[in-house]
C-alpha atoms as a PDB file:
ATOM      1  CA  MET A   1       0.044  -0.018  -0.005  1.00  0.00           C
ATOM      2  CA  VAL A   2       1.357   3.421  -0.941  1.00  0.00           C
ATOM      3  CA  TRP A   3       0.740   6.354   1.402  1.00  0.00           C
ATOM      4  CA  LYS A   4       0.382   9.894  -0.057  1.00  0.00           C
ATOM      5  CA  ASN A   5       2.307  11.189   2.879  1.00  0.00           C
ATOM      6  CA  ASN A   6       3.340  10.382   6.459  1.00  0.00           C
ATOM      7  CA  THR A   7       0.156  12.127   7.852  1.00  0.00           C
ATOM      8  CA  ASP A   8      -2.010   9.593   6.114  1.00  0.00           C
ATOM      9  CA  MET A   9       0.011   6.726   7.538  1.00  0.00           C
ATOM     10  CA  ILE A  10      -0.037   8.127  11.018  1.00  0.00           C
ATOM     11  CA  SER A  11      -3.754   8.770  10.833  1.00  0.00           C
ATOM     12  CA  ALA A  12      -4.441   5.193   9.679  1.00  0.00           C
ATOM     13  CA  ALA A  13      -2.209   3.795  12.431  1.00  0.00           C
ATOM     14  CA  LEU A  14      -3.957   5.851  15.101  1.00  0.00           C
ATOM     15  CA  GLN A  15      -7.369   4.807  13.854  1.00  0.00           C
ATOM     16  CA  HIS A  16      -6.254   1.111  13.896  1.00  0.00           C
ATOM     17  CA  GLU A  17      -4.917   1.369  17.427  1.00  0.00           C
ATOM     18  CA  LEU A  18      -8.126   3.065  18.578  1.00  0.00           C
ATOM     19  CA  GLY A  19     -10.138   0.309  16.995  1.00  0.00           C
ATOM     20  CA  CYS A  20      -8.091  -2.318  18.920  1.00  0.00           C
ATOM     21  CA  LEU A  21      -8.623  -0.347  22.133  1.00  0.00           C
ATOM     22  CA  LYS A  22     -12.365  -0.334  21.608  1.00  0.00           C
ATOM     23  CA  GLU A  23     -12.473  -4.043  20.746  1.00  0.00           C
ATOM     24  CA  GLY A  24     -10.050  -5.551  23.174  1.00  0.00           C
ATOM     25  CA  GLY A  25      -9.301  -3.009  25.828  1.00  0.00           C
ATOM     26  CA  GLU A  26      -5.649  -2.812  24.903  1.00  0.00           C
ATOM     27  CA  VAL A  27      -3.462  -2.127  21.908  1.00  0.00           C
ATOM     28  CA  GLN A  28      -2.566  -5.311  19.920  1.00  0.00           C
ATOM     29  CA  ILE A  29      -0.121  -5.545  17.070  1.00  0.00           C
ATOM     30  CA  HIS A  30      -1.545  -7.638  14.273  1.00  0.00           C
END
């Protein structure tokens, strides 16, 4: 996957971590 810039990558990573927090109560690396 190609990111337009670092901001997009960081935003996606933060959203993924928040999703893990909501689902499992802790950050999990997949």
